[in-house]
Structure formats: C-alpha cells, structure tokens
Amino acid sequence: MNRRDLAAAVRAILPAAWDPIGIRDEPKAQDEYDDYVPGIVRLLCEGAGVDALAEYLLRIETGQMCLPPDQERARRVAVKLTQLSA
C-alpha cells in the first residue's frame, strides 16, 4: 500500500475504531483526528508494532486530549493499524 492509501486507511480507522472523544457520528467532525494520521503512518512505515502504536495512541489520549487512557481500545486499534501494513 502506498503512503497516500495508507494515510486514507488510517484516517478511516481513527473515528470508526478509536474515537476517544466520541465524534464518530458527527459528520462535520470527521477530520478531528487528521493531525494524528502522519505520525501513525510514519510509525507504520518504520515497522512499528502493536505495542508502539498503542503507546502512541495512549500518549495522544492522555497528553493532548487530557483523557484517561483506554489501554484495551488503544491495543485493539493498534492491531487494526498494523494489519494495514501487513
């Protein structure tokens, strides 16, 4: 998968599967997680595994969104993300 397609796939997964702030059903907010796509794509292109991706998502949740971490959700989404580059 090329980088552009990978970014599009990541962009689709974030609101559908991760969605820590609950914008999944808000059409006007579907770009809410776009700022995180390049970092995830970079990690995937570097061969990051589930643990590294889950940690990245948890850092976003806690550090940037000031939310409590949801380790189960982060790991589940990290598995989906790694499957994109398999």
PDB file of N, CA and C in Angstrom:
ATOM      1  N   MET A   1       0.855  -1.179   0.000  1.00  0.00           N
ATOM      2  CA  MET A   1       0.000   0.000   0.000  1.00  0.00           C
ATOM      3  C   MET A   1       0.897   1.238   0.000  1.00  0.00           C
ATOM      4  N   ASN A   2       0.617   2.181  -0.889  1.00  0.00           N
ATOM      5  CA  ASN A   2       1.433   3.397  -0.902  1.00  0.00           C
ATOM      6  C   ASN A   2       1.051   4.302   0.273  1.00  0.00           C
ATOM      7  N   ARG A   3       1.875   5.296   0.511  1.00  0.00           N
ATOM      8  CA  ARG A   3       1.712   6.158   1.683  1.00  0.00           C
ATOM      9  C   ARG A   3       0.375   6.900   1.692  1.00  0.00           C
ATOM     10  N   ARG A   4      -0.076   7.341   0.541  1.00  0.00           N
ATOM     11  CA  ARG A   4      -1.346   8.066   0.460  1.00  0.00           C
ATOM     12  C   ARG A   4      -2.521   7.142   0.816  1.00  0.00           C
ATOM     13  N   ASP A   5      -2.501   5.928   0.274  1.00  0.00           N
ATOM     14  CA  ASP A   5      -3.555   4.969   0.589  1.00  0.00           C
ATOM     15  C   ASP A   5      -3.510   4.564   2.060  1.00  0.00           C
ATOM     16  N   LEU A   6      -2.295   4.435   2.584  1.00  0.00           N
ATOM     17  CA  LEU A   6      -2.132   4.095   3.992  1.00  0.00           C
ATOM     18  C   LEU A   6      -2.719   5.203   4.867  1.00  0.00           C
ATOM     19  N   ALA A   7      -2.433   6.442   4.525  1.00  0.00           N
ATOM     20  CA  ALA A   7      -2.973   7.577   5.278  1.00  0.00           C
ATOM     21  C   ALA A   7      -4.501   7.588   5.218  1.00  0.00           C
ATOM     22  N   ALA A   8      -5.068   7.307   4.065  1.00  0.00           N
ATOM     23  CA  ALA A   8      -6.531   7.276   3.927  1.00  0.00           C
ATOM     24  C   ALA A   8      -7.131   6.163   4.780  1.00  0.00           C
ATOM     25  N   ALA A   9      -6.476   5.030   4.821  1.00  0.00           N
ATOM     26  CA  ALA A   9      -6.969   3.916   5.626  1.00  0.00           C
ATOM     27  C   ALA A   9      -6.877   4.242   7.119  1.00  0.00           C
ATOM     28  N   VAL A  10      -5.778   4.858   7.531  1.00  0.00           N
ATOM     29  CA  VAL A  10      -5.620   5.266   8.936  1.00  0.00           C
ATOM     30  C   VAL A  10      -6.696   6.287   9.282  1.00  0.00           C
ATOM     31  N   ARG A  11      -6.898   7.244   8.398  1.00  0.00           N
ATOM     32  CA  ARG A  11      -7.906   8.299   8.630  1.00  0.00           C
ATOM     33  C   ARG A  11      -9.296   7.695   8.812  1.00  0.00           C
ATOM     34  N   ALA A  12      -9.585   6.609   8.120  1.00  0.00           N
ATOM     35  CA  ALA A  12     -10.889   5.957   8.257  1.00  0.00           C
ATOM     36  C   ALA A  12     -11.000   5.178   9.567  1.00  0.00           C
ATOM     37  N   ILE A  13      -9.907   4.583   9.995  1.00  0.00           N
ATOM     38  CA  ILE A  13      -9.921   3.766  11.214  1.00  0.00           C
ATOM     39  C   ILE A  13     -10.074   4.611  12.472  1.00  0.00           C
ATOM     40  N   LEU A  14      -9.425   5.765  12.516  1.00  0.00           N
ATOM     41  CA  LEU A  14      -9.410   6.529  13.767  1.00  0.00           C
ATOM     42  C   LEU A  14     -10.804   6.877  14.284  1.00  0.00           C
ATOM     43  N   PRO A  15     -11.683   7.504  13.498  1.00  0.00           N
ATOM     44  CA  PRO A  15     -13.010   7.795  14.055  1.00  0.00           C
ATOM     45  C   PRO A  15     -13.886   6.548  14.195  1.00  0.00           C
ATOM     46  N   ALA A  16     -13.663   5.563  13.361  1.00  0.00           N
ATOM     47  CA  ALA A  16     -14.512   4.371  13.395  1.00  0.00           C
ATOM     48  C   ALA A  16     -14.175   3.447  14.563  1.00  0.00           C
ATOM     49  N   ALA A  17     -12.889   3.303  14.878  1.00  0.00           N
ATOM     50  CA  ALA A  17     -12.484   2.312  15.873  1.00  0.00           C
ATOM     51  C   ALA A  17     -11.868   2.908  17.133  1.00  0.00           C
ATOM     52  N   TRP A  18     -11.204   4.035  17.004  1.00  0.00           N
ATOM     53  CA  TRP A  18     -10.505   4.620  18.164  1.00  0.00           C
ATOM     54  C   TRP A  18     -11.428   5.620  18.857  1.00  0.00           C
ATOM     55  N   ASP A  19     -11.681   6.754  18.286  1.00  0.00           N
ATOM     56  CA  ASP A  19     -12.684   7.747  18.670  1.00  0.00           C
ATOM     57  C   ASP A  19     -12.781   8.056  20.166  1.00  0.00           C
ATOM     58  N   PRO A  20     -11.702   8.480  20.799  1.00  0.00           N
ATOM     59  CA  PRO A  20     -11.757   8.739  22.236  1.00  0.00           C
ATOM     60  C   PRO A  20     -12.658   9.906  22.639  1.00  0.00           C
ATOM     61  N   ILE A  21     -12.959  10.822  21.721  1.00  0.00           N
ATOM     62  CA  ILE A  21     -13.819  11.955  22.094  1.00  0.00           C
ATOM     63  C   ILE A  21     -15.241  11.821  21.553  1.00  0.00           C
ATOM     64  N   GLY A  22     -15.539  10.710  20.904  1.00  0.00           N
ATOM     65  CA  GLY A  22     -16.916  10.423  20.507  1.00  0.00           C
ATOM     66  C   GLY A  22     -17.481  11.236  19.366  1.00  0.00           C
ATOM     67  N   ILE A  23     -16.726  11.390  18.287  1.00  0.00           N
ATOM     68  CA  ILE A  23     -17.207  12.165  17.138  1.00  0.00           C
ATOM     69  C   ILE A  23     -17.654  11.268  15.977  1.00  0.00           C
ATOM     70  N   ARG A  24     -17.633   9.995  16.181  1.00  0.00           N
ATOM     71  CA  ARG A  24     -17.921   9.013  15.127  1.00  0.00           C
ATOM     72  C   ARG A  24     -19.166   9.364  14.309  1.00  0.00           C
ATOM     73  N   ASP A  25     -20.212   9.798  14.968  1.00  0.00           N
ATOM     74  CA  ASP A  25     -21.488  10.050  14.290  1.00  0.00           C
ATOM     75  C   ASP A  25     -21.719  11.521  13.954  1.00  0.00           C
ATOM     76  N   GLU A  26     -20.683  12.323  14.066  1.00  0.00           N
ATOM     77  CA  GLU A  26     -20.792  13.753  13.777  1.00  0.00           C
ATOM     78  C   GLU A  26     -20.131  14.042  12.423  1.00  0.00           C
ATOM     79  N   PRO A  27     -20.920  14.174  11.359  1.00  0.00           N
ATOM     80  CA  PRO A  27     -20.358  14.343  10.016  1.00  0.00           C
ATOM     81  C   PRO A  27     -19.372  15.508   9.879  1.00  0.00           C
ATOM     82  N   LYS A  28     -19.631  16.598  10.567  1.00  0.00           N
ATOM     83  CA  LYS A  28     -18.767  17.772  10.440  1.00  0.00           C
ATOM     84  C   LYS A  28     -17.457  17.648  11.212  1.00  0.00           C
ATOM     85  N   ALA A  29     -17.294  16.587  11.987  1.00  0.00           N
ATOM     86  CA  ALA A  29     -16.086  16.424  12.805  1.00  0.00           C
ATOM     87  C   ALA A  29     -15.218  15.263  12.339  1.00  0.00           C
ATOM     88  N   GLN A  30     -15.455  14.752  11.156  1.00  0.00           N
ATOM     89  CA  GLN A  30     -14.722  13.580  10.697  1.00  0.00           C
ATOM     90  C   GLN A  30     -13.235  13.833  10.461  1.00  0.00           C
ATOM     91  N   ASP A  31     -12.825  15.100  10.452  1.00  0.00           N
ATOM     92  CA  ASP A  31     -11.408  15.422  10.289  1.00  0.00           C
ATOM     93  C   ASP A  31     -10.720  15.673  11.639  1.00  0.00           C
ATOM     94  N   GLU A  32     -11.413  15.425  12.716  1.00  0.00           N
ATOM     95  CA  GLU A  32     -10.914  15.738  14.055  1.00  0.00           C
ATOM     96  C   GLU A  32      -9.577  15.062  14.381  1.00  0.00           C
ATOM     97  N   TYR A  33      -9.360  13.878  13.869  1.00  0.00           N
ATOM     98  CA  TYR A  33      -8.144  13.128  14.192  1.00  0.00           C
ATOM     99  C   TYR A  33      -7.078  13.204  13.097  1.00  0.00           C
ATOM    100  N   ASP A  34      -7.311  14.025  12.089  1.00  0.00           N
ATOM    101  CA  ASP A  34      -6.379  14.099  10.954  1.00  0.00           C
ATOM    102  C   ASP A  34      -4.955  14.478  11.358  1.00  0.00           C
ATOM    103  N   ASP A  35      -4.794  15.282  12.395  1.00  0.00           N
ATOM    104  CA  ASP A  35      -3.453  15.683  12.823  1.00  0.00           C
ATOM    105  C   ASP A  35      -2.608  14.502  13.292  1.00  0.00           C
ATOM    106  N   TYR A  36      -3.240  13.411  13.654  1.00  0.00           N
ATOM    107  CA  TYR A  36      -2.516  12.247  14.169  1.00  0.00           C
ATOM    108  C   TYR A  36      -2.147  11.247  13.075  1.00  0.00           C
ATOM    109  N   VAL A  37      -2.739  11.387  11.910  1.00  0.00           N
ATOM    110  CA  VAL A  37      -2.505  10.443  10.817  1.00  0.00           C
ATOM    111  C   VAL A  37      -1.036  10.394  10.386  1.00  0.00           C
ATOM    112  N   PRO A  38      -0.372  11.526  10.155  1.00  0.00           N
ATOM    113  CA  PRO A  38       1.028  11.448   9.705  1.00  0.00           C
ATOM    114  C   PRO A  38       1.943  10.700  10.680  1.00  0.00           C
ATOM    115  N   GLY A  39       1.755  10.899  11.967  1.00  0.00           N
ATOM    116  CA  GLY A  39       2.578  10.198  12.951  1.00  0.00           C
ATOM    117  C   GLY A  39       2.344   8.704  12.923  1.00  0.00           C
ATOM    118  N   ILE A  40       1.102   8.304  12.756  1.00  0.00           N
ATOM    119  CA  ILE A  40       0.781   6.880  12.685  1.00  0.00           C
ATOM    120  C   ILE A  40       1.330   6.279  11.408  1.00  0.00           C
ATOM    121  N   VAL A  41       1.185   6.984  10.301  1.00  0.00           N
ATOM    122  CA  VAL A  41       1.727   6.495   9.026  1.00  0.00           C
ATOM    123  C   VAL A  41       3.242   6.351   9.128  1.00  0.00           C
ATOM    124  N   ARG A  42       3.900   7.324   9.728  1.00  0.00           N
ATOM    125  CA  ARG A  42       5.356   7.242   9.904  1.00  0.00           C
ATOM    126  C   ARG A  42       5.733   6.006  10.702  1.00  0.00           C
ATOM    127  N   LEU A  43       5.035   5.792  11.805  1.00  0.00           N
ATOM    128  CA  LEU A  43       5.318   4.611  12.626  1.00  0.00           C
ATOM    129  C   LEU A  43       5.098   3.323  11.844  1.00  0.00           C
ATOM    130  N   LEU A  44       4.020   3.258  11.087  1.00  0.00           N
ATOM    131  CA  LEU A  44       3.755   2.058  10.287  1.00  0.00           C
ATOM    132  C   LEU A  44       4.840   1.834   9.241  1.00  0.00           C
ATOM    133  N   CYS A  45       5.264   2.905   8.593  1.00  0.00           N
ATOM    134  CA  CYS A  45       6.310   2.790   7.568  1.00  0.00           C
ATOM    135  C   CYS A  45       7.656   2.391   8.167  1.00  0.00           C
ATOM    136  N   GLU A  46       7.846   2.724   9.433  1.00  0.00           N
ATOM    137  CA  GLU A  46       9.074   2.343  10.126  1.00  0.00           C
ATOM    138  C   GLU A  46       8.985   0.938  10.699  1.00  0.00           C
ATOM    139  N   GLY A  47       7.840   0.281  10.528  1.00  0.00           N
ATOM    140  CA  GLY A  47       7.684  -1.085  11.003  1.00  0.00           C
ATOM    141  C   GLY A  47       7.274  -1.210  12.456  1.00  0.00           C
ATOM    142  N   ALA A  48       6.695  -0.163  13.021  1.00  0.00           N
ATOM    143  CA  ALA A  48       6.264  -0.210  14.419  1.00  0.00           C
ATOM    144  C   ALA A  48       5.251  -1.323  14.628  1.00  0.00           C
ATOM    145  N   GLY A  49       5.324  -1.919  15.777  1.00  0.00           N
ATOM    146  CA  GLY A  49       4.405  -2.993  16.124  1.00  0.00           C
ATOM    147  C   GLY A  49       3.226  -2.494  16.939  1.00  0.00           C
ATOM    148  N   VAL A  50       2.439  -3.435  17.389  1.00  0.00           N
ATOM    149  CA  VAL A  50       1.233  -3.137  18.148  1.00  0.00           C
ATOM    150  C   VAL A  50       1.551  -2.321  19.395  1.00  0.00           C
ATOM    151  N   ASP A  51       2.583  -2.705  20.137  1.00  0.00           N
ATOM    152  CA  ASP A  51       2.902  -2.008  21.382  1.00  0.00           C
ATOM    153  C   ASP A  51       3.247  -0.545  21.142  1.00  0.00           C
ATOM    154  N   ALA A  52       4.060  -0.273  20.132  1.00  0.00           N
ATOM    155  CA  ALA A  52       4.468   1.106  19.840  1.00  0.00           C
ATOM    156  C   ALA A  52       3.281   1.945  19.386  1.00  0.00           C
ATOM    157  N   LEU A  53       2.420   1.381  18.572  1.00  0.00           N
ATOM    158  CA  LEU A  53       1.248   2.121  18.105  1.00  0.00           C
ATOM    159  C   LEU A  53       0.258   2.360  19.237  1.00  0.00           C
ATOM    160  N   ALA A  54       0.046   1.372  20.082  1.00  0.00           N
ATOM    161  CA  ALA A  54      -0.850   1.547  21.224  1.00  0.00           C
ATOM    162  C   ALA A  54      -0.305   2.628  22.152  1.00  0.00           C
ATOM    163  N   GLU A  55       0.986   2.621  22.379  1.00  0.00           N
ATOM    164  CA  GLU A  55       1.609   3.641  23.227  1.00  0.00           C
ATOM    165  C   GLU A  55       1.415   5.034  22.625  1.00  0.00           C
ATOM    166  N   TYR A  56       1.574   5.147  21.313  1.00  0.00           N
ATOM    167  CA  TYR A  56       1.371   6.430  20.631  1.00  0.00           C
ATOM    168  C   TYR A  56      -0.069   6.927  20.828  1.00  0.00           C
ATOM    169  N   LEU A  57      -1.042   6.040  20.630  1.00  0.00           N
ATOM    170  CA  LEU A  57      -2.439   6.419  20.807  1.00  0.00           C
ATOM    171  C   LEU A  57      -2.721   6.823  22.252  1.00  0.00           C
ATOM    172  N   LEU A  58      -2.143   6.106  23.194  1.00  0.00           N
ATOM    173  CA  LEU A  58      -2.336   6.440  24.609  1.00  0.00           C
ATOM    174  C   LEU A  58      -1.721   7.790  24.958  1.00  0.00           C
ATOM    175  N   ARG A  59      -0.570   8.111  24.361  1.00  0.00           N
ATOM    176  CA  ARG A  59       0.049   9.426  24.593  1.00  0.00           C
ATOM    177  C   ARG A  59      -0.851  10.539  24.076  1.00  0.00           C
ATOM    178  N   ILE A  60      -1.492  10.303  22.949  1.00  0.00           N
ATOM    179  CA  ILE A  60      -2.425  11.303  22.414  1.00  0.00           C
ATOM    180  C   ILE A  60      -3.607  11.463  23.367  1.00  0.00           C
ATOM    181  N   GLU A  61      -4.183  10.346  23.779  1.00  0.00           N
ATOM    182  CA  GLU A  61      -5.341  10.387  24.674  1.00  0.00           C
ATOM    183  C   GLU A  61      -5.032  11.153  25.953  1.00  0.00           C
ATOM    184  N   THR A  62      -3.908  10.850  26.559  1.00  0.00           N
ATOM    185  CA  THR A  62      -3.600  11.432  27.866  1.00  0.00           C
ATOM    186  C   THR A  62      -2.906  12.784  27.769  1.00  0.00           C
ATOM    187  N   GLY A  63      -1.969  12.917  26.853  1.00  0.00           N
ATOM    188  CA  GLY A  63      -1.171  14.131  26.770  1.00  0.00           C
ATOM    189  C   GLY A  63      -1.817  15.261  26.010  1.00  0.00           C
ATOM    190  N   GLN A  64      -2.494  14.954  24.932  1.00  0.00           N
ATOM    191  CA  GLN A  64      -3.072  16.012  24.104  1.00  0.00           C
ATOM    192  C   GLN A  64      -4.564  16.211  24.349  1.00  0.00           C
ATOM    193  N   MET A  65      -5.254  15.126  24.658  1.00  0.00           N
ATOM    194  CA  MET A  65      -6.698  15.225  24.870  1.00  0.00           C
ATOM    195  C   MET A  65      -7.068  15.302  26.355  1.00  0.00           C
ATOM    196  N   CYS A  66      -6.098  15.075  27.209  1.00  0.00           N
ATOM    197  CA  CYS A  66      -6.313  15.106  28.669  1.00  0.00           C
ATOM    198  C   CYS A  66      -7.422  14.153  29.108  1.00  0.00           C
ATOM    199  N   LEU A  67      -7.462  12.992  28.481  1.00  0.00           N
ATOM    200  CA  LEU A  67      -8.441  11.966  28.811  1.00  0.00           C
ATOM    201  C   LEU A  67      -7.759  10.838  29.574  1.00  0.00           C
ATOM    202  N   PRO A  68      -8.531  10.051  30.304  1.00  0.00           N
ATOM    203  CA  PRO A  68      -7.936   8.865  30.919  1.00  0.00           C
ATOM    204  C   PRO A  68      -7.592   7.865  29.822  1.00  0.00           C
ATOM    205  N   PRO A  69      -6.508   7.123  29.997  1.00  0.00           N
ATOM    206  CA  PRO A  69      -6.110   6.163  28.970  1.00  0.00           C
ATOM    207  C   PRO A  69      -7.068   4.981  28.903  1.00  0.00           C
ATOM    208  N   ASP A  70      -7.299   4.512  27.699  1.00  0.00           N
ATOM    209  CA  ASP A  70      -8.078   3.297  27.492  1.00  0.00           C
ATOM    210  C   ASP A  70      -7.158   2.303  26.792  1.00  0.00           C
ATOM    211  N   GLN A  71      -6.442   1.538  27.581  1.00  0.00           N
ATOM    212  CA  GLN A  71      -5.415   0.642  27.043  1.00  0.00           C
ATOM    213  C   GLN A  71      -6.002  -0.446  26.154  1.00  0.00           C
ATOM    214  N   GLU A  72      -7.154  -0.954  26.515  1.00  0.00           N
ATOM    215  CA  GLU A  72      -7.779  -2.002  25.710  1.00  0.00           C
ATOM    216  C   GLU A  72      -8.136  -1.473  24.317  1.00  0.00           C
ATOM    217  N   ARG A  73      -8.739  -0.295  24.275  1.00  0.00           N
ATOM    218  CA  ARG A  73      -9.115   0.296  22.988  1.00  0.00           C
ATOM    219  C   ARG A  73      -7.866   0.617  22.162  1.00  0.00           C
ATOM    220  N   ALA A  74      -6.855   1.201  22.789  1.00  0.00           N
ATOM    221  CA  ALA A  74      -5.631   1.554  22.074  1.00  0.00           C
ATOM    222  C   ALA A  74      -4.985   0.309  21.471  1.00  0.00           C
ATOM    223  N   ARG A  75      -4.954  -0.770  22.221  1.00  0.00           N
ATOM    224  CA  ARG A  75      -4.348  -2.006  21.708  1.00  0.00           C
ATOM    225  C   ARG A  75      -5.177  -2.583  20.560  1.00  0.00           C
ATOM    226  N   ARG A  76      -6.482  -2.572  20.709  1.00  0.00           N
ATOM    227  CA  ARG A  76      -7.368  -3.096  19.656  1.00  0.00           C
ATOM    228  C   ARG A  76      -7.180  -2.306  18.352  1.00  0.00           C
ATOM    229  N   VAL A  77      -7.087  -0.996  18.461  1.00  0.00           N
ATOM    230  CA  VAL A  77      -6.904  -0.152  17.271  1.00  0.00           C
ATOM    231  C   VAL A  77      -5.500  -0.340  16.707  1.00  0.00           C
ATOM    232  N   ALA A  78      -4.513  -0.486  17.568  1.00  0.00           N
ATOM    233  CA  ALA A  78      -3.139  -0.712  17.112  1.00  0.00           C
ATOM    234  C   ALA A  78      -3.047  -2.000  16.294  1.00  0.00           C
ATOM    235  N   VAL A  79      -3.777  -3.014  16.697  1.00  0.00           N
ATOM    236  CA  VAL A  79      -3.797  -4.262  15.923  1.00  0.00           C
ATOM    237  C   VAL A  79      -4.373  -3.996  14.529  1.00  0.00           C
ATOM    238  N   LYS A  80      -5.477  -3.262  14.466  1.00  0.00           N
ATOM    239  CA  LYS A  80      -6.070  -2.907  13.155  1.00  0.00           C
ATOM    240  C   LYS A  80      -5.084  -2.124  12.296  1.00  0.00           C
ATOM    241  N   LEU A  81      -4.386  -1.194  12.915  1.00  0.00           N
ATOM    242  CA  LEU A  81      -3.431  -0.368  12.169  1.00  0.00           C
ATOM    243  C   LEU A  81      -2.277  -1.203  11.623  1.00  0.00           C
ATOM    244  N   THR A  82      -1.750  -2.105  12.425  1.00  0.00           N
ATOM    245  CA  THR A  82      -0.625  -2.927  11.937  1.00  0.00           C
ATOM    246  C   THR A  82      -1.062  -3.839  10.796  1.00  0.00           C
ATOM    247  N   GLN A  83      -2.308  -4.205  10.780  1.00  0.00           N
ATOM    248  CA  GLN A  83      -2.813  -5.053   9.686  1.00  0.00           C
ATOM    249  C   GLN A  83      -2.812  -4.312   8.350  1.00  0.00           C
ATOM    250  N   LEU A  84      -2.819  -2.990   8.399  1.00  0.00           N
ATOM    251  CA  LEU A  84      -2.791  -2.212   7.156  1.00  0.00           C
ATOM    252  C   LEU A  84      -1.468  -2.359   6.419  1.00  0.00           C
ATOM    253  N   SER A  85      -0.403  -2.521   7.167  1.00  0.00           N
ATOM    254  CA  SER A  85       0.906  -2.590   6.524  1.00  0.00           C
ATOM    255  C   SER A  85       1.429  -4.016   6.412  1.00  0.00           C
ATOM    256  N   ALA A  86       0.583  -4.969   6.693  1.00  0.00           N
ATOM    257  CA  ALA A  86       0.999  -6.382   6.630  1.00  0.00           C
ATOM    258  C   ALA A  86       1.035  -6.887   5.204  1.00  0.00           C
TER     259      ALA A  86
END
